[in-house]
Amino acid sequence: MDPLRIGLVFVSVFLGLRLAGVLMGRLERALAPVSRGVGVPAGLLAVGVLEPRLAHGALSRLLREGTVTERHVVAYSLVSWPFRFTVMYLRLGLFPLALGALGVVGAAYLAIVSVPSLVGLVVGVAVARGLSWPQPDAVPRERTLSALRQALGVTVRYAAFEALFYGLSLLGVSVPLNWLPLSPTAVAVLAAASVRPSIGIMAAGPALANGLITSTETLAALLMGRLVYMTVYEFPRSTVQFYASYYPARTAMRILMYTAGIMYPTTALFVVALFMYR
């Protein structure tokens, strides 16, 4: 377990709750055209941009109260996917890292990894069609004490899942890569990306610049590494924890099924296309 990460979850949730109250009005107005297009309230989208935990905390409460249904939750999760993806990559610095280290290849990588979220947006709009949403005022605007309580509750649940998956990780995971039709350098990039996408980009930069790996191999290795990373780390140790912290098991599983059902096939198609082009 990482106490620092758990502490950051608490701070992030609390500050996000307070910041949401300050910036909500401006974001709601900015997102109004998007809201009309996707069929999800601008207020809820604005909350999700500022702090996804707040948006899902509000939705989980509305779900328990019967104000929204599981379909609302799934629709919001899919529609907000591109926003979450963009904000996450900006916060992690992956946009400037990919463009700076890989240039045009980095831009292509960023475009490809954004495709699943855009497909999710299209599916989410279809799921949201015909739904009646609560008014923006029904989405709670938390005060300081309430924000502290909610941040503490989310942090406790997150820490519980963190402890569970930390224990499972002690068993170790081995992913054999010698069967892949890639050069040793590309396999090394794939392995690095499997640990963390940013490390894969940093490993690919010098190799690509020195001609040790082709552009096609770079994209294939980074995408395959991302699939391994999502399977080994992101889904079991982050995504599952996140949604299970807020929703009943059935609802969380439904969101995960939609997300995985879009992300894996879409990314795999690009990998296959790259190998065929190669």
Protein backbone atom coordinates (compact mmCIF):
# COMPACT_ATOMS: atom_id res chain seq x y z
CA MET A 1 0.00 0.00 0.00
CA ASP A 2 1.05 3.58 -0.61
CA PRO A 3 0.00 5.90 2.26
CA LEU A 4 0.94 8.94 0.18
CA ARG A 5 -1.43 7.92 -2.62
CA ILE A 6 -4.23 7.29 -0.11
CA GLY A 7 -3.60 10.70 1.41
CA LEU A 8 -3.64 12.29 -2.02
CA VAL A 9 -7.03 10.67 -2.69
CA PHE A 10 -8.42 12.40 0.41
CA VAL A 11 -6.90 15.77 -0.48
CA SER A 12 -7.98 15.47 -4.11
CA VAL A 13 -11.58 14.65 -3.21
CA PHE A 14 -11.85 17.40 -0.62
CA LEU A 15 -10.27 20.11 -2.76
CA GLY A 16 -12.29 18.97 -5.75
CA LEU A 17 -15.50 19.32 -3.76
CA ARG A 18 -14.64 22.84 -2.67
CA LEU A 19 -13.31 23.92 -6.04
CA ALA A 20 -16.43 22.63 -7.74
CA GLY A 21 -18.55 25.11 -5.84
CA VAL A 22 -16.40 28.00 -7.05
CA LEU A 23 -16.11 27.09 -10.72
CA MET A 24 -19.38 25.27 -11.25
CA GLY A 25 -21.30 28.17 -12.75
CA ARG A 26 -18.66 29.00 -15.35
CA LEU A 27 -18.18 25.40 -16.41
CA GLU A 28 -21.91 24.80 -16.64
CA ARG A 29 -22.25 27.69 -19.08
CA ALA A 30 -19.24 26.52 -21.11
CA LEU A 31 -20.54 22.95 -21.30
CA ALA A 32 -24.15 23.86 -22.07
CA PRO A 33 -23.79 23.23 -25.86
CA VAL A 34 -22.08 19.89 -25.19
CA SER A 35 -24.80 19.00 -22.71
CA ARG A 36 -27.52 19.53 -25.28
CA GLY A 37 -25.65 17.36 -27.75
CA VAL A 38 -24.98 14.38 -25.48
CA GLY A 39 -28.12 14.49 -23.34
CA VAL A 40 -26.40 14.74 -19.94
CA PRO A 41 -26.87 17.77 -17.63
CA ALA A 42 -24.16 20.42 -17.96
CA GLY A 43 -23.87 20.62 -14.17
CA LEU A 44 -23.00 16.94 -13.90
CA LEU A 45 -20.47 17.17 -16.74
CA ALA A 46 -18.91 20.21 -15.08
CA VAL A 47 -18.55 18.35 -11.79
CA GLY A 48 -16.94 15.44 -13.62
CA VAL A 49 -14.38 17.68 -15.30
CA LEU A 50 -13.42 19.27 -11.98
CA GLU A 51 -13.40 16.09 -9.90
CA PRO A 52 -14.71 12.72 -11.19
CA ARG A 53 -15.03 11.41 -7.62
CA LEU A 54 -17.51 14.15 -6.80
CA ALA A 55 -19.63 13.40 -9.85
CA HIS A 56 -19.79 9.69 -9.10
CA GLY A 57 -20.37 10.39 -5.41
CA ALA A 58 -23.38 12.51 -6.36
CA LEU A 59 -24.65 9.89 -8.80
CA SER A 60 -24.26 7.07 -6.30
CA ARG A 61 -26.31 9.03 -3.79
CA LEU A 62 -29.01 9.75 -6.37
CA LEU A 63 -28.97 6.06 -7.35
CA ARG A 64 -29.57 5.00 -3.75
CA GLU A 65 -32.40 7.52 -3.49
CA GLY A 66 -33.99 6.22 -6.68
CA THR A 67 -33.67 9.58 -8.45
CA VAL A 68 -31.58 8.02 -11.22
CA THR A 69 -31.22 4.47 -12.53
CA GLU A 70 -28.30 2.27 -13.42
CA ARG A 71 -28.79 3.35 -17.04
CA HIS A 72 -28.14 6.97 -16.02
CA VAL A 73 -24.89 5.94 -14.32
CA VAL A 74 -23.66 3.94 -17.33
CA ALA A 75 -24.63 6.72 -19.74
CA TYR A 76 -22.80 9.36 -17.71
CA SER A 77 -19.69 7.18 -17.35
CA LEU A 78 -19.47 6.68 -21.11
CA VAL A 79 -20.35 10.25 -22.11
CA SER A 80 -17.80 11.72 -19.69
CA TRP A 81 -15.05 9.33 -20.81
CA PRO A 82 -13.36 11.72 -23.31
CA PHE A 83 -13.35 14.51 -20.69
CA ARG A 84 -11.79 12.23 -18.07
CA PHE A 85 -9.24 10.96 -20.58
CA THR A 86 -8.17 14.45 -21.63
CA VAL A 87 -7.93 15.78 -18.07
CA MET A 88 -6.00 12.70 -16.91
CA TYR A 89 -3.46 12.92 -19.74
CA LEU A 90 -3.03 16.64 -19.09
CA ARG A 91 -2.53 16.09 -15.35
CA LEU A 92 -0.02 13.31 -15.97
CA GLY A 93 1.82 15.37 -18.58
CA LEU A 94 1.47 12.64 -21.21
CA PHE A 95 0.42 15.05 -23.97
CA PRO A 96 3.62 17.15 -23.91
CA LEU A 97 5.73 14.05 -23.14
CA ALA A 98 4.46 12.12 -26.17
CA LEU A 99 4.71 15.09 -28.51
CA GLY A 100 8.14 16.12 -27.24
CA ALA A 101 9.68 12.65 -27.18
CA LEU A 102 8.09 11.13 -30.30
CA GLY A 103 6.93 14.05 -32.45
CA VAL A 104 4.51 12.98 -35.18
CA VAL A 105 4.54 9.40 -33.89
CA GLY A 106 3.58 10.74 -30.46
CA ALA A 107 0.69 12.67 -31.99
CA ALA A 108 -0.46 9.49 -33.73
CA TYR A 109 -0.23 7.57 -30.45
CA LEU A 110 -2.31 10.19 -28.63
CA ALA A 111 -4.90 10.14 -31.41
CA ILE A 112 -5.16 6.35 -31.31
CA VAL A 113 -5.45 6.05 -27.53
CA SER A 114 -8.22 8.68 -27.56
CA VAL A 115 -10.37 6.67 -29.99
CA PRO A 116 -11.88 4.30 -27.37
CA SER A 117 -13.11 7.26 -25.32
CA LEU A 118 -14.73 8.78 -28.40
CA VAL A 119 -16.40 5.47 -29.20
CA GLY A 120 -17.58 5.41 -25.59
CA LEU A 121 -19.03 8.88 -26.06
CA VAL A 122 -21.05 7.72 -29.07
CA VAL A 123 -22.31 4.65 -27.19
CA GLY A 124 -23.08 6.80 -24.14
CA VAL A 125 -25.17 9.22 -26.19
CA ALA A 126 -27.19 6.25 -27.46
CA VAL A 127 -27.65 4.91 -23.93
CA ALA A 128 -28.66 8.36 -22.64
CA ARG A 129 -31.29 8.88 -25.34
CA GLY A 130 -34.73 9.35 -23.82
CA LEU A 131 -33.52 9.53 -20.22
CA SER A 132 -34.96 12.14 -17.87
CA TRP A 133 -32.26 13.66 -15.67
CA PRO A 134 -32.65 15.47 -12.35
CA GLN A 135 -32.23 19.23 -12.39
CA PRO A 136 -28.68 20.51 -11.75
CA ASP A 137 -29.73 21.56 -8.24
CA ALA A 138 -30.33 17.88 -7.45
CA VAL A 139 -26.59 17.33 -7.80
CA PRO A 140 -25.22 18.23 -4.36
CA ARG A 141 -23.01 21.33 -3.92
CA GLU A 142 -20.95 20.30 -0.94
CA ARG A 143 -20.00 22.61 1.97
CA THR A 144 -16.77 22.20 3.91
CA LEU A 145 -17.97 19.81 6.64
CA SER A 146 -19.96 17.71 4.20
CA ALA A 147 -17.00 17.68 1.81
CA LEU A 148 -14.73 16.43 4.59
CA ARG A 149 -17.15 13.63 5.45
CA GLN A 150 -17.49 12.53 1.84
CA ALA A 151 -13.73 12.74 1.22
CA LEU A 152 -13.07 10.63 4.30
CA GLY A 153 -15.67 8.05 3.28
CA VAL A 154 -14.26 7.72 -0.23
CA THR A 155 -10.71 7.49 1.12
CA VAL A 156 -11.60 4.71 3.57
CA ARG A 157 -13.25 2.67 0.81
CA TYR A 158 -10.35 3.31 -1.54
CA ALA A 159 -7.82 2.26 1.13
CA ALA A 160 -9.73 -0.99 1.65
CA PHE A 161 -9.51 -1.87 -2.04
CA GLU A 162 -5.89 -0.71 -2.15
CA ALA A 163 -5.05 -3.12 0.68
CA LEU A 164 -6.86 -5.96 -1.08
CA PHE A 165 -5.12 -5.56 -4.41
CA TYR A 166 -1.77 -4.84 -2.77
CA GLY A 167 -2.04 -8.23 -1.11
CA LEU A 168 -2.90 -9.87 -4.43
CA SER A 169 0.01 -8.12 -6.14
CA LEU A 170 2.43 -9.84 -3.74
CA LEU A 171 1.72 -13.03 -5.68
CA GLY A 172 3.50 -11.51 -8.69
CA VAL A 173 2.53 -11.37 -12.37
CA SER A 174 4.66 -12.66 -15.25
CA VAL A 175 3.90 -11.70 -18.86
CA PRO A 176 6.02 -13.61 -21.44
CA LEU A 177 6.88 -11.44 -24.46
CA ASN A 178 9.37 -13.51 -26.49
CA TRP A 179 6.65 -14.79 -28.84
CA LEU A 180 5.86 -11.32 -30.21
CA PRO A 181 6.79 -10.46 -33.83
CA LEU A 182 8.75 -7.40 -32.70
CA SER A 183 12.41 -6.48 -32.56
CA PRO A 184 14.16 -6.75 -29.18
CA THR A 185 14.12 -2.95 -28.88
CA ALA A 186 10.37 -2.84 -29.52
CA VAL A 187 9.82 -5.59 -26.95
CA ALA A 188 11.79 -3.51 -24.46
CA VAL A 189 9.55 -0.51 -25.19
CA LEU A 190 6.49 -2.75 -24.80
CA ALA A 191 7.76 -3.99 -21.45
CA ALA A 192 8.39 -0.44 -20.27
CA ALA A 193 4.92 0.67 -21.37
CA SER A 194 3.46 -2.30 -19.49
CA VAL A 195 4.85 -0.84 -16.28
CA ARG A 196 3.54 2.66 -17.05
CA PRO A 197 2.64 4.33 -20.38
CA SER A 198 4.85 7.35 -19.63
CA ILE A 199 7.89 5.07 -19.11
CA GLY A 200 7.18 3.40 -22.44
CA ILE A 201 7.12 6.78 -24.19
CA MET A 202 10.39 7.77 -22.55
CA ALA A 203 11.97 4.46 -23.58
CA ALA A 204 10.70 4.79 -27.15
CA GLY A 205 11.99 8.34 -27.67
CA PRO A 206 15.75 7.66 -27.88
CA ALA A 207 15.20 4.35 -29.71
CA LEU A 208 13.06 6.03 -32.38
CA ALA A 209 15.42 9.00 -32.72
CA ASN A 210 18.43 6.69 -33.23
CA GLY A 211 16.69 4.46 -35.76
CA LEU A 212 16.63 1.41 -33.49
CA ILE A 213 12.88 1.04 -33.88
CA THR A 214 10.47 2.01 -36.67
CA SER A 215 7.47 4.29 -36.29
CA THR A 216 5.09 1.38 -36.80
CA GLU A 217 6.88 -0.76 -34.21
CA THR A 218 6.85 2.17 -31.79
CA LEU A 219 3.08 2.55 -32.04
CA ALA A 220 2.47 -1.20 -31.85
CA ALA A 221 4.75 -1.61 -28.83
CA LEU A 222 3.21 1.34 -26.97
CA LEU A 223 -0.35 0.19 -27.68
CA MET A 224 0.34 -3.41 -26.68
CA GLY A 225 2.12 -2.21 -23.56
CA ARG A 226 -0.88 -0.07 -22.74
CA LEU A 227 -3.16 -3.12 -23.05
CA VAL A 228 -0.93 -5.05 -20.64
CA TYR A 229 -0.83 -2.07 -18.27
CA MET A 230 -4.62 -1.73 -18.35
CA THR A 231 -5.06 -5.47 -17.72
CA VAL A 232 -2.48 -5.88 -14.98
CA TYR A 233 -2.73 -2.55 -13.18
CA GLU A 234 -5.28 0.01 -14.35
CA PHE A 235 -8.40 -2.16 -14.41
CA PRO A 236 -7.86 -4.40 -11.35
CA ARG A 237 -6.05 -1.92 -9.12
CA SER A 238 -7.59 1.41 -10.15
CA THR A 239 -10.76 1.24 -12.25
CA VAL A 240 -12.35 -1.59 -10.27
CA GLN A 241 -11.49 0.15 -7.01
CA PHE A 242 -12.88 3.45 -8.24
CA TYR A 243 -16.31 2.27 -9.37
CA ALA A 244 -16.70 -0.33 -6.61
CA SER A 245 -16.10 2.44 -4.08
CA TYR A 246 -19.28 4.20 -5.22
CA TYR A 247 -21.73 1.75 -6.75
CA PRO A 248 -23.27 -1.66 -6.06
CA ALA A 249 -21.32 -4.57 -7.55
CA ARG A 250 -23.77 -5.02 -10.44
CA THR A 251 -23.60 -1.35 -11.47
CA ALA A 252 -19.81 -1.22 -11.19
CA MET A 253 -19.52 -4.40 -13.24
CA ARG A 254 -21.83 -2.99 -15.91
CA ILE A 255 -19.63 0.11 -16.27
CA LEU A 256 -16.49 -2.04 -16.44
CA MET A 257 -18.02 -4.32 -19.07
CA TYR A 258 -18.89 -1.36 -21.29
CA THR A 259 -15.46 0.21 -20.79
CA ALA A 260 -13.49 -2.99 -21.42
CA GLY A 261 -15.80 -4.01 -24.26
CA ILE A 262 -14.94 -0.78 -26.05
CA MET A 263 -11.32 -0.23 -25.06
CA TYR A 264 -9.85 -3.68 -25.73
CA PRO A 265 -11.33 -4.43 -29.19
CA THR A 266 -10.73 -0.88 -30.42
CA THR A 267 -7.08 -0.86 -29.36
CA ALA A 268 -6.53 -4.42 -30.59
CA LEU A 269 -7.83 -3.47 -34.04
CA PHE A 270 -5.22 -0.73 -34.28
CA VAL A 271 -2.48 -3.16 -33.22
CA VAL A 272 -3.56 -5.69 -35.87
CA ALA A 273 -3.69 -2.93 -38.49
CA LEU A 274 -0.17 -1.83 -37.57
CA PHE A 275 1.18 -5.37 -37.88
CA MET A 276 -0.53 -5.76 -41.26
CA TYR A 277 0.92 -2.44 -42.44
CA ARG A 278 4.32 -3.50 -41.19
